[in-house]
Amino acid sequence: MRASFQLRYAMQPYLYTEARRTFDTGVAFLRPLYTTSRGSEAYTTKNEYLFGENMLVAPVVHPVSAETGLATEPLWLPAGDWIEWSSGSVSMAPSDSIEATRSTSCLCS
């Protein structure tokens, strides 16, 4: 529970900035991937969206695997470098494909 509150407060400057950008420009805070990425993957990828300018959200909705005890979700990443918030690992899209787990907090470009 403490980690959730810490993440919430760590994200407050980002949330404020994105809310202000939405107010100033009228561009939605939550956007589908095809608003910034071109290509068929951006149109066909389901359950992923942009949370502001720099965060990609993909809910993990698959059931838990009996072998690993983890639920995973394959992700398509738009072009660019993506950093996983909690671990700091870098994925370079579109060459890297990653599996998100429920412990993956968020990806930032």
PDB file of N, CA and C in Angstrom:
ATOM      1  N   MET A   1       0.823  -1.185   0.000  1.00  0.00           N
ATOM      2  CA  MET A   1       0.000   0.000   0.000  1.00  0.00           C
ATOM      3  C   MET A   1       0.875   1.259   0.000  1.00  0.00           C
ATOM      4  N   ARG A   2       1.936   1.225   0.766  1.00  0.00           N
ATOM      5  CA  ARG A   2       2.837   2.371   0.844  1.00  0.00           C
ATOM      6  C   ARG A   2       3.447   2.675  -0.528  1.00  0.00           C
ATOM      7  N   ALA A   3       3.832   1.616  -1.260  1.00  0.00           N
ATOM      8  CA  ALA A   3       4.433   1.809  -2.584  1.00  0.00           C
ATOM      9  C   ALA A   3       3.450   2.480  -3.537  1.00  0.00           C
ATOM     10  N   SER A   4       2.176   2.161  -3.418  1.00  0.00           N
ATOM     11  CA  SER A   4       1.163   2.774  -4.276  1.00  0.00           C
ATOM     12  C   SER A   4       1.046   4.270  -4.002  1.00  0.00           C
ATOM     13  N   PHE A   5       1.078   4.647  -2.736  1.00  0.00           N
ATOM     14  CA  PHE A   5       1.015   6.070  -2.397  1.00  0.00           C
ATOM     15  C   PHE A   5       2.275   6.807  -2.842  1.00  0.00           C
ATOM     16  N   GLN A   6       3.421   6.162  -2.706  1.00  0.00           N
ATOM     17  CA  GLN A   6       4.665   6.789  -3.143  1.00  0.00           C
ATOM     18  C   GLN A   6       4.662   7.007  -4.657  1.00  0.00           C
ATOM     19  N   LEU A   7       4.171   6.028  -5.407  1.00  0.00           N
ATOM     20  CA  LEU A   7       4.068   6.188  -6.849  1.00  0.00           C
ATOM     21  C   LEU A   7       3.102   7.311  -7.200  1.00  0.00           C
ATOM     22  N   ARG A   8       2.009   7.371  -6.488  1.00  0.00           N
ATOM     23  CA  ARG A   8       1.020   8.427  -6.735  1.00  0.00           C
ATOM     24  C   ARG A   8       1.640   9.807  -6.549  1.00  0.00           C
ATOM     25  N   TYR A   9       2.361  10.008  -5.458  1.00  0.00           N
ATOM     26  CA  TYR A   9       2.961  11.311  -5.202  1.00  0.00           C
ATOM     27  C   TYR A   9       4.138  11.593  -6.121  1.00  0.00           C
ATOM     28  N   ALA A  10       4.850  10.561  -6.550  1.00  0.00           N
ATOM     29  CA  ALA A  10       5.944  10.758  -7.505  1.00  0.00           C
ATOM     30  C   ALA A  10       5.408  11.188  -8.871  1.00  0.00           C
ATOM     31  N   MET A  11       4.200  10.777  -9.192  1.00  0.00           N
ATOM     32  CA  MET A  11       3.614  11.103 -10.490  1.00  0.00           C
ATOM     33  C   MET A  11       2.868  12.438 -10.505  1.00  0.00           C
ATOM     34  N   GLN A  12       2.687  13.080  -9.365  1.00  0.00           N
ATOM     35  CA  GLN A  12       1.900  14.311  -9.317  1.00  0.00           C
ATOM     36  C   GLN A  12       2.419  15.413 -10.248  1.00  0.00           C
ATOM     37  N   PRO A  13       3.725  15.688 -10.310  1.00  0.00           N
ATOM     38  CA  PRO A  13       4.165  16.728 -11.255  1.00  0.00           C
ATOM     39  C   PRO A  13       3.832  16.380 -12.706  1.00  0.00           C
ATOM     40  N   TYR A  14       3.982  15.107 -13.066  1.00  0.00           N
ATOM     41  CA  TYR A  14       3.648  14.672 -14.428  1.00  0.00           C
ATOM     42  C   TYR A  14       2.155  14.853 -14.687  1.00  0.00           C
ATOM     43  N   LEU A  15       1.314  14.436 -13.743  1.00  0.00           N
ATOM     44  CA  LEU A  15      -0.132  14.554 -13.905  1.00  0.00           C
ATOM     45  C   LEU A  15      -0.555  16.014 -14.033  1.00  0.00           C
ATOM     46  N   TYR A  16       0.037  16.874 -13.213  1.00  0.00           N
ATOM     47  CA  TYR A  16      -0.291  18.302 -13.291  1.00  0.00           C
ATOM     48  C   TYR A  16       0.096  18.866 -14.655  1.00  0.00           C
ATOM     49  N   THR A  17       1.302  18.535 -15.118  1.00  0.00           N
ATOM     50  CA  THR A  17       1.782  19.035 -16.404  1.00  0.00           C
ATOM     51  C   THR A  17       0.882  18.570 -17.539  1.00  0.00           C
ATOM     52  N   GLU A  18       0.513  17.295 -17.526  1.00  0.00           N
ATOM     53  CA  GLU A  18      -0.346  16.770 -18.586  1.00  0.00           C
ATOM     54  C   GLU A  18      -1.753  17.355 -18.520  1.00  0.00           C
ATOM     55  N   ALA A  19      -2.279  17.566 -17.321  1.00  0.00           N
ATOM     56  CA  ALA A  19      -3.594  18.182 -17.185  1.00  0.00           C
ATOM     57  C   ALA A  19      -3.565  19.619 -17.717  1.00  0.00           C
ATOM     58  N   ARG A  20      -2.475  20.322 -17.449  1.00  0.00           N
ATOM     59  CA  ARG A  20      -2.349  21.693 -17.960  1.00  0.00           C
ATOM     60  C   ARG A  20      -2.234  21.692 -19.487  1.00  0.00           C
ATOM     61  N   ARG A  21      -1.490  20.734 -20.040  1.00  0.00           N
ATOM     62  CA  ARG A  21      -1.356  20.632 -21.496  1.00  0.00           C
ATOM     63  C   ARG A  21      -2.724  20.360 -22.124  1.00  0.00           C
ATOM     64  N   THR A  22      -3.518  19.504 -21.498  1.00  0.00           N
ATOM     65  CA  THR A  22      -4.862  19.219 -21.993  1.00  0.00           C
ATOM     66  C   THR A  22      -5.718  20.480 -21.960  1.00  0.00           C
ATOM     67  N   PHE A  23      -5.619  21.244 -20.890  1.00  0.00           N
ATOM     68  CA  PHE A  23      -6.386  22.479 -20.766  1.00  0.00           C
ATOM     69  C   PHE A  23      -5.978  23.487 -21.836  1.00  0.00           C
ATOM     70  N   ASP A  24      -4.667  23.625 -22.054  1.00  0.00           N
ATOM     71  CA  ASP A  24      -4.170  24.622 -23.001  1.00  0.00           C
ATOM     72  C   ASP A  24      -4.428  24.249 -24.458  1.00  0.00           C
ATOM     73  N   THR A  25      -4.287  22.967 -24.812  1.00  0.00           N
ATOM     74  CA  THR A  25      -4.368  22.561 -26.212  1.00  0.00           C
ATOM     75  C   THR A  25      -5.685  21.907 -26.597  1.00  0.00           C
ATOM     76  N   GLY A  26      -6.397  21.350 -25.631  1.00  0.00           N
ATOM     77  CA  GLY A  26      -7.626  20.629 -25.928  1.00  0.00           C
ATOM     78  C   GLY A  26      -7.394  19.201 -26.390  1.00  0.00           C
ATOM     79  N   VAL A  27      -6.127  18.764 -26.424  1.00  0.00           N
ATOM     80  CA  VAL A  27      -5.797  17.393 -26.808  1.00  0.00           C
ATOM     81  C   VAL A  27      -6.027  16.494 -25.601  1.00  0.00           C
ATOM     82  N   ALA A  28      -6.689  15.374 -25.816  1.00  0.00           N
ATOM     83  CA  ALA A  28      -7.075  14.483 -24.717  1.00  0.00           C
ATOM     84  C   ALA A  28      -5.864  13.972 -23.943  1.00  0.00           C
ATOM     85  N   PHE A  29      -6.041  13.780 -22.651  1.00  0.00           N
ATOM     86  CA  PHE A  29      -5.000  13.255 -21.760  1.00  0.00           C
ATOM     87  C   PHE A  29      -4.715  11.789 -22.068  1.00  0.00           C
ATOM     88  N   LEU A  30      -5.747  10.999 -22.257  1.00  0.00           N
ATOM     89  CA  LEU A  30      -5.619   9.584 -22.622  1.00  0.00           C
ATOM     90  C   LEU A  30      -5.882   9.465 -24.117  1.00  0.00           C
ATOM     91  N   ARG A  31      -4.906   8.888 -24.836  1.00  0.00           N
ATOM     92  CA  ARG A  31      -5.009   8.840 -26.290  1.00  0.00           C
ATOM     93  C   ARG A  31      -4.696   7.447 -26.814  1.00  0.00           C
ATOM     94  N   PRO A  32      -5.333   7.049 -27.918  1.00  0.00           N
ATOM     95  CA  PRO A  32      -4.950   5.788 -28.569  1.00  0.00           C
ATOM     96  C   PRO A  32      -3.569   5.946 -29.196  1.00  0.00           C
ATOM     97  N   LEU A  33      -2.896   4.827 -29.415  1.00  0.00           N
ATOM     98  CA  LEU A  33      -1.527   4.853 -29.944  1.00  0.00           C
ATOM     99  C   LEU A  33      -1.437   5.474 -31.323  1.00  0.00           C
ATOM    100  N   TYR A  34      -2.475   5.348 -32.139  1.00  0.00           N
ATOM    101  CA  TYR A  34      -2.393   5.856 -33.504  1.00  0.00           C
ATOM    102  C   TYR A  34      -2.374   7.375 -33.587  1.00  0.00           C
ATOM    103  N   THR A  35      -2.596   8.082 -32.489  1.00  0.00           N
ATOM    104  CA  THR A  35      -2.518   9.539 -32.531  1.00  0.00           C
ATOM    105  C   THR A  35      -1.087  10.031 -32.647  1.00  0.00           C
ATOM    106  N   THR A  36      -0.109   9.220 -32.239  1.00  0.00           N
ATOM    107  CA  THR A  36       1.288   9.636 -32.326  1.00  0.00           C
ATOM    108  C   THR A  36       2.142   8.695 -33.155  1.00  0.00           C
ATOM    109  N   SER A  37       1.717   7.470 -33.366  1.00  0.00           N
ATOM    110  CA  SER A  37       2.497   6.478 -34.110  1.00  0.00           C
ATOM    111  C   SER A  37       1.772   6.122 -35.399  1.00  0.00           C
ATOM    112  N   ARG A  38       2.540   5.947 -36.450  1.00  0.00           N
ATOM    113  CA  ARG A  38       1.964   5.534 -37.722  1.00  0.00           C
ATOM    114  C   ARG A  38       2.322   4.076 -37.965  1.00  0.00           C
ATOM    115  N   GLY A  39       1.509   3.408 -38.702  1.00  0.00           N
ATOM    116  CA  GLY A  39       1.732   2.000 -38.999  1.00  0.00           C
ATOM    117  C   GLY A  39       0.543   1.179 -38.557  1.00  0.00           C
ATOM    118  N   SER A  40       0.430   0.000 -39.136  1.00  0.00           N
ATOM    119  CA  SER A  40      -0.733  -0.837 -38.859  1.00  0.00           C
ATOM    120  C   SER A  40      -0.779  -1.307 -37.407  1.00  0.00           C
ATOM    121  N   GLU A  41       0.383  -1.482 -36.762  1.00  0.00           N
ATOM    122  CA  GLU A  41       0.389  -1.942 -35.361  1.00  0.00           C
ATOM    123  C   GLU A  41      -0.310  -0.950 -34.443  1.00  0.00           C
ATOM    124  N   ALA A  42      -0.135   0.326 -34.712  1.00  0.00           N
ATOM    125  CA  ALA A  42      -0.762   1.351 -33.870  1.00  0.00           C
ATOM    126  C   ALA A  42      -2.280   1.275 -33.936  1.00  0.00           C
ATOM    127  N   TYR A  43      -2.816   0.824 -35.070  1.00  0.00           N
ATOM    128  CA  TYR A  43      -4.266   0.721 -35.227  1.00  0.00           C
ATOM    129  C   TYR A  43      -4.814  -0.613 -34.729  1.00  0.00           C
ATOM    130  N   THR A  44      -4.009  -1.656 -34.779  1.00  0.00           N
ATOM    131  CA  THR A  44      -4.512  -2.988 -34.419  1.00  0.00           C
ATOM    132  C   THR A  44      -4.200  -3.393 -32.986  1.00  0.00           C
ATOM    133  N   THR A  45      -3.300  -2.696 -32.319  1.00  0.00           N
ATOM    134  CA  THR A  45      -2.951  -3.028 -30.939  1.00  0.00           C
ATOM    135  C   THR A  45      -4.116  -2.678 -30.027  1.00  0.00           C
ATOM    136  N   LYS A  46      -4.532  -3.667 -29.235  1.00  0.00           N
ATOM    137  CA  LYS A  46      -5.657  -3.448 -28.322  1.00  0.00           C
ATOM    138  C   LYS A  46      -5.144  -3.353 -26.894  1.00  0.00           C
ATOM    139  N   ASN A  47      -5.894  -2.727 -26.039  1.00  0.00           N
ATOM    140  CA  ASN A  47      -5.615  -2.620 -24.604  1.00  0.00           C
ATOM    141  C   ASN A  47      -4.345  -1.851 -24.279  1.00  0.00           C
ATOM    142  N   GLU A  48      -3.876  -1.004 -25.164  1.00  0.00           N
ATOM    143  CA  GLU A  48      -2.754  -0.122 -24.877  1.00  0.00           C
ATOM    144  C   GLU A  48      -3.170   1.300 -25.218  1.00  0.00           C
ATOM    145  N   TYR A  49      -2.708   2.253 -24.411  1.00  0.00           N
ATOM    146  CA  TYR A  49      -2.992   3.646 -24.705  1.00  0.00           C
ATOM    147  C   TYR A  49      -1.905   4.517 -24.093  1.00  0.00           C
ATOM    148  N   LEU A  50      -1.851   5.767 -24.556  1.00  0.00           N
ATOM    149  CA  LEU A  50      -0.899   6.722 -24.021  1.00  0.00           C
ATOM    150  C   LEU A  50      -1.560   7.483 -22.890  1.00  0.00           C
ATOM    151  N   PHE A  51      -0.836   7.612 -21.808  1.00  0.00           N
ATOM    152  CA  PHE A  51      -1.275   8.341 -20.621  1.00  0.00           C
ATOM    153  C   PHE A  51      -0.450   9.623 -20.586  1.00  0.00           C
ATOM    154  N   GLY A  52      -0.939  10.648 -21.294  1.00  0.00           N
ATOM    155  CA  GLY A  52      -0.151  11.858 -21.459  1.00  0.00           C
ATOM    156  C   GLY A  52       0.823  11.677 -22.616  1.00  0.00           C
ATOM    157  N   GLU A  53       1.867  12.514 -22.645  1.00  0.00           N
ATOM    158  CA  GLU A  53       2.832  12.492 -23.748  1.00  0.00           C
ATOM    159  C   GLU A  53       3.827  11.340 -23.654  1.00  0.00           C
ATOM    160  N   ASN A  54       4.178  10.900 -22.438  1.00  0.00           N
ATOM    161  CA  ASN A  54       5.334  10.030 -22.272  1.00  0.00           C
ATOM    162  C   ASN A  54       5.088   8.693 -21.594  1.00  0.00           C
ATOM    163  N   MET A  55       3.872   8.350 -21.266  1.00  0.00           N
ATOM    164  CA  MET A  55       3.616   7.081 -20.590  1.00  0.00           C
ATOM    165  C   MET A  55       2.704   6.199 -21.424  1.00  0.00           C
ATOM    166  N   LEU A  56       3.080   4.927 -21.484  1.00  0.00           N
ATOM    167  CA  LEU A  56       2.287   3.919 -22.185  1.00  0.00           C
ATOM    168  C   LEU A  56       1.640   3.032 -21.129  1.00  0.00           C
ATOM    169  N   VAL A  57       0.346   2.800 -21.277  1.00  0.00           N
ATOM    170  CA  VAL A  57      -0.379   1.962 -20.334  1.00  0.00           C
ATOM    171  C   VAL A  57      -0.910   0.740 -21.073  1.00  0.00           C
ATOM    172  N   ALA A  58      -0.691  -0.436 -20.471  1.00  0.00           N
ATOM    173  CA  ALA A  58      -1.210  -1.689 -21.016  1.00  0.00           C
ATOM    174  C   ALA A  58      -1.614  -2.568 -19.840  1.00  0.00           C
ATOM    175  N   PRO A  59      -2.889  -2.601 -19.501  1.00  0.00           N
ATOM    176  CA  PRO A  59      -3.323  -3.431 -18.375  1.00  0.00           C
ATOM    177  C   PRO A  59      -3.008  -4.911 -18.610  1.00  0.00           C
ATOM    178  N   VAL A  60      -2.559  -5.571 -17.571  1.00  0.00           N
ATOM    179  CA  VAL A  60      -2.275  -7.014 -17.639  1.00  0.00           C
ATOM    180  C   VAL A  60      -3.553  -7.731 -17.240  1.00  0.00           C
ATOM    181  N   VAL A  61      -4.189  -8.382 -18.230  1.00  0.00           N
ATOM    182  CA  VAL A  61      -5.493  -8.999 -17.995  1.00  0.00           C
ATOM    183  C   VAL A  61      -5.502 -10.504 -18.241  1.00  0.00           C
ATOM    184  N   HIS A  62      -4.364 -11.070 -18.624  1.00  0.00           N
ATOM    185  CA  HIS A  62      -4.298 -12.510 -18.833  1.00  0.00           C
ATOM    186  C   HIS A  62      -4.238 -13.249 -17.499  1.00  0.00           C
ATOM    187  N   PRO A  63      -4.700 -14.483 -17.459  1.00  0.00           N
ATOM    188  CA  PRO A  63      -4.633 -15.246 -16.207  1.00  0.00           C
ATOM    189  C   PRO A  63      -3.184 -15.600 -15.843  1.00  0.00           C
ATOM    190  N   VAL A  64      -3.005 -15.941 -14.586  1.00  0.00           N
ATOM    191  CA  VAL A  64      -1.690 -16.298 -14.059  1.00  0.00           C
ATOM    192  C   VAL A  64      -1.255 -17.644 -14.632  1.00  0.00           C
ATOM    193  N   SER A  65       0.010 -17.718 -15.041  1.00  0.00           N
ATOM    194  CA  SER A  65       0.579 -18.956 -15.574  1.00  0.00           C
ATOM    195  C   SER A  65       0.866 -19.921 -14.432  1.00  0.00           C
ATOM    196  N   ALA A  66       0.552 -21.197 -14.627  1.00  0.00           N
ATOM    197  CA  ALA A  66       0.800 -22.211 -13.595  1.00  0.00           C
ATOM    198  C   ALA A  66       2.291 -22.445 -13.397  1.00  0.00           C
ATOM    199  N   GLU A  67       3.097 -22.311 -14.470  1.00  0.00           N
ATOM    200  CA  GLU A  67       4.535 -22.564 -14.363  1.00  0.00           C
ATOM    201  C   GLU A  67       5.276 -21.451 -13.631  1.00  0.00           C
ATOM    202  N   THR A  68       4.980 -20.203 -13.981  1.00  0.00           N
ATOM    203  CA  THR A  68       5.743 -19.087 -13.423  1.00  0.00           C
ATOM    204  C   THR A  68       5.048 -18.378 -12.271  1.00  0.00           C
ATOM    205  N   GLY A  69       3.744 -18.534 -12.165  1.00  0.00           N
ATOM    206  CA  GLY A  69       3.002 -17.815 -11.137  1.00  0.00           C
ATOM    207  C   GLY A  69       2.812 -16.342 -11.468  1.00  0.00           C
ATOM    208  N   LEU A  70       3.077 -15.956 -12.737  1.00  0.00           N
ATOM    209  CA  LEU A  70       2.940 -14.568 -13.164  1.00  0.00           C
ATOM    210  C   LEU A  70       1.922 -14.456 -14.289  1.00  0.00           C
ATOM    211  N   ALA A  71       1.264 -13.348 -14.346  1.00  0.00           N
ATOM    212  CA  ALA A  71       0.418 -13.023 -15.489  1.00  0.00           C
ATOM    213  C   ALA A  71       1.231 -12.100 -16.379  1.00  0.00           C
ATOM    214  N   THR A  72       1.265 -12.380 -17.667  1.00  0.00           N
ATOM    215  CA  THR A  72       2.040 -11.551 -18.588  1.00  0.00           C
ATOM    216  C   THR A  72       1.161 -11.049 -19.716  1.00  0.00           C
ATOM    217  N   GLU A  73       1.599  -9.978 -20.333  1.00  0.00           N
ATOM    218  CA  GLU A  73       0.878  -9.358 -21.439  1.00  0.00           C
ATOM    219  C   GLU A  73       1.909  -8.946 -22.486  1.00  0.00           C
ATOM    220  N   PRO A  74       1.780  -9.424 -23.736  1.00  0.00           N
ATOM    221  CA  PRO A  74       2.716  -8.961 -24.765  1.00  0.00           C
ATOM    222  C   PRO A  74       2.423  -7.503 -25.109  1.00  0.00           C
ATOM    223  N   LEU A  75       3.465  -6.709 -25.293  1.00  0.00           N
ATOM    224  CA  LEU A  75       3.301  -5.289 -25.596  1.00  0.00           C
ATOM    225  C   LEU A  75       3.873  -4.944 -26.949  1.00  0.00           C
ATOM    226  N   TRP A  76       3.217  -4.039 -27.634  1.00  0.00           N
ATOM    227  CA  TRP A  76       3.787  -3.409 -28.812  1.00  0.00           C
ATOM    228  C   TRP A  76       4.189  -2.008 -28.400  1.00  0.00           C
ATOM    229  N   LEU A  77       5.435  -1.654 -28.646  1.00  0.00           N
ATOM    230  CA  LEU A  77       5.933  -0.339 -28.276  1.00  0.00           C
ATOM    231  C   LEU A  77       6.109   0.524 -29.518  1.00  0.00           C
ATOM    232  N   PRO A  78       5.618   1.761 -29.490  1.00  0.00           N
ATOM    233  CA  PRO A  78       5.896   2.679 -30.598  1.00  0.00           C
ATOM    234  C   PRO A  78       7.398   2.951 -30.679  1.00  0.00           C
ATOM    235  N   ALA A  79       7.843   3.473 -31.808  1.00  0.00           N
ATOM    236  CA  ALA A  79       9.267   3.746 -32.017  1.00  0.00           C
ATOM    237  C   ALA A  79       9.820   4.662 -30.925  1.00  0.00           C
ATOM    238  N   GLY A  80      11.033   4.365 -30.499  1.00  0.00           N
ATOM    239  CA  GLY A  80      11.698   5.168 -29.481  1.00  0.00           C
ATOM    240  C   GLY A  80      12.255   4.300 -28.372  1.00  0.00           C
ATOM    241  N   ASP A  81      12.870   4.941 -27.403  1.00  0.00           N
ATOM    242  CA  ASP A  81      13.386   4.243 -26.228  1.00  0.00           C
ATOM    243  C   ASP A  81      12.349   4.330 -25.119  1.00  0.00           C
ATOM    244  N   TRP A  82      12.066   3.200 -24.480  1.00  0.00           N
ATOM    245  CA  TRP A  82      11.068   3.132 -23.412  1.00  0.00           C
ATOM    246  C   TRP A  82      11.737   2.624 -22.147  1.00  0.00           C
ATOM    247  N   ILE A  83      11.474   3.274 -21.040  1.00  0.00           N
ATOM    248  CA  ILE A  83      12.082   2.927 -19.754  1.00  0.00           C
ATOM    249  C   ILE A  83      11.002   2.434 -18.814  1.00  0.00           C
ATOM    250  N   GLU A  84      11.216   1.262 -18.229  1.00  0.00           N
ATOM    251  CA  GLU A  84      10.280   0.725 -17.231  1.00  0.00           C
ATOM    252  C   GLU A  84      10.546   1.450 -15.920  1.00  0.00           C
ATOM    253  N   TRP A  85       9.527   2.071 -15.363  1.00  0.00           N
ATOM    254  CA  TRP A  85       9.646   2.984 -14.227  1.00  0.00           C
ATOM    255  C   TRP A  85      10.359   2.362 -13.030  1.00  0.00           C
ATOM    256  N   SER A  86       9.922   1.205 -12.564  1.00  0.00           N
ATOM    257  CA  SER A  86      10.444   0.667 -11.303  1.00  0.00           C
ATOM    258  C   SER A  86      11.817   0.016 -11.432  1.00  0.00           C
ATOM    259  N   SER A  87      12.128  -0.594 -12.582  1.00  0.00           N
ATOM    260  CA  SER A  87      13.416  -1.280 -12.712  1.00  0.00           C
ATOM    261  C   SER A  87      14.463  -0.452 -13.441  1.00  0.00           C
ATOM    262  N   GLY A  88      14.041   0.497 -14.261  1.00  0.00           N
ATOM    263  CA  GLY A  88      14.974   1.294 -15.038  1.00  0.00           C
ATOM    264  C   GLY A  88      15.460   0.605 -16.295  1.00  0.00           C
ATOM    265  N   SER A  89      14.901  -0.570 -16.626  1.00  0.00           N
ATOM    266  CA  SER A  89      15.333  -1.279 -17.827  1.00  0.00           C
ATOM    267  C   SER A  89      14.841  -0.532 -19.070  1.00  0.00           C
ATOM    268  N   VAL A  90      15.694  -0.516 -20.094  1.00  0.00           N
ATOM    269  CA  VAL A  90      15.399   0.218 -21.320  1.00  0.00           C
ATOM    270  C   VAL A  90      15.043  -0.755 -22.430  1.00  0.00           C
ATOM    271  N   SER A  91      13.969  -0.464 -23.157  1.00  0.00           N
ATOM    272  CA  SER A  91      13.573  -1.229 -24.343  1.00  0.00           C
ATOM    273  C   SER A  91      13.572  -0.284 -25.516  1.00  0.00           C
ATOM    274  N   MET A  92      14.194  -0.709 -26.608  1.00  0.00           N
ATOM    275  CA  MET A  92      14.234   0.119 -27.813  1.00  0.00           C
ATOM    276  C   MET A  92      13.233  -0.423 -28.817  1.00  0.00           C
ATOM    277  N   ALA A  93      12.227   0.362 -29.083  1.00  0.00           N
ATOM    278  CA  ALA A  93      11.184  -0.058 -30.006  1.00  0.00           C
ATOM    279  C   ALA A  93      11.528   0.418 -31.398  1.00  0.00           C
ATOM    280  N   PRO A  94      11.084  -0.209 -32.427  1.00  0.00           N
ATOM    281  CA  PRO A  94      10.214  -1.368 -32.419  1.00  0.00           C
ATOM    282  C   PRO A  94      10.952  -2.697 -32.396  1.00  0.00           C
ATOM    283  N   SER A  95      12.281  -2.705 -32.235  1.00  0.00           N
ATOM    284  CA  SER A  95      13.021  -3.970 -32.311  1.00  0.00           C
ATOM    285  C   SER A  95      12.800  -4.869 -31.103  1.00  0.00           C
ATOM    286  N   ASP A  96      12.630  -4.325 -29.915  1.00  0.00           N
ATOM    287  CA  ASP A  96      12.421  -5.129 -28.716  1.00  0.00           C
ATOM    288  C   ASP A  96      10.939  -5.420 -28.522  1.00  0.00           C
ATOM    289  N   SER A  97      10.636  -6.645 -28.162  1.00  0.00           N
ATOM    290  CA  SER A  97       9.274  -6.961 -27.745  1.00  0.00           C
ATOM    291  C   SER A  97       9.376  -7.390 -26.294  1.00  0.00           C
ATOM    292  N   ILE A  98       8.463  -6.925 -25.487  1.00  0.00           N
ATOM    293  CA  ILE A  98       8.553  -7.217 -24.059  1.00  0.00           C
ATOM    294  C   ILE A  98       7.256  -7.835 -23.571  1.00  0.00           C
ATOM    295  N   GLU A  99       7.367  -8.485 -22.442  1.00  0.00           N
ATOM    296  CA  GLU A  99       6.209  -9.050 -21.758  1.00  0.00           C
ATOM    297  C   GLU A  99       6.038  -8.270 -20.458  1.00  0.00           C
ATOM    298  N   ALA A 100       4.914  -7.633 -20.297  1.00  0.00           N
ATOM    299  CA  ALA A 100       4.639  -6.904 -19.063  1.00  0.00           C
ATOM    300  C   ALA A 100       4.032  -7.855 -18.048  1.00  0.00           C
ATOM    301  N   THR A 101       4.390  -7.693 -16.781  1.00  0.00           N
ATOM    302  CA  THR A 101       3.785  -8.464 -15.701  1.00  0.00           C
ATOM    303  C   THR A 101       3.012  -7.503 -14.807  1.00  0.00           C
ATOM    304  N   ARG A 102       2.329  -8.049 -13.847  1.00  0.00           N
ATOM    305  CA  ARG A 102       1.575  -7.182 -12.937  1.00  0.00           C
ATOM    306  C   ARG A 102       2.492  -6.333 -12.072  1.00  0.00           C
ATOM    307  N   SER A 103       3.772  -6.685 -11.975  1.00  0.00           N
ATOM    308  CA  SER A 103       4.699  -5.879 -11.197  1.00  0.00           C
ATOM    309  C   SER A 103       5.318  -4.753 -12.020  1.00  0.00           C
ATOM    310  N   THR A 104       5.110  -4.743 -13.346  1.00  0.00           N
ATOM    311  CA  THR A 104       5.604  -3.672 -14.187  1.00  0.00           C
ATOM    312  C   THR A 104       4.742  -2.446 -13.935  1.00  0.00           C
ATOM    313  N   SER A 105       5.342  -1.377 -13.423  1.00  0.00           N
ATOM    314  CA  SER A 105       4.534  -0.235 -13.043  1.00  0.00           C
ATOM    315  C   SER A 105       4.122   0.616 -14.240  1.00  0.00           C
ATOM    316  N   CYS A 106       5.056   1.134 -15.026  1.00  0.00           N
ATOM    317  CA  CYS A 106       4.699   1.891 -16.215  1.00  0.00           C
ATOM    318  C   CYS A 106       5.915   2.066 -17.090  1.00  0.00           C
ATOM    319  N   LEU A 107       5.670   2.340 -18.350  1.00  0.00           N
ATOM    320  CA  LEU A 107       6.730   2.584 -19.327  1.00  0.00           C
ATOM    321  C   LEU A 107       6.703   4.035 -19.715  1.00  0.00           C
ATOM    322  N   CYS A 108       7.871   4.665 -19.729  1.00  0.00           N
ATOM    323  CA  CYS A 108       7.978   6.072 -20.070  1.00  0.00           C
ATOM    324  C   CYS A 108       8.925   6.239 -21.228  1.00  0.00           C
ATOM    325  N   SER A 109       8.602   7.167 -22.135  1.00  0.00           N
ATOM    326  CA  SER A 109       9.494   7.420 -23.265  1.00  0.00           C
ATOM    327  C   SER A 109      10.419   8.554 -22.943  1.00  0.00           C
TER     328      SER A 109
END
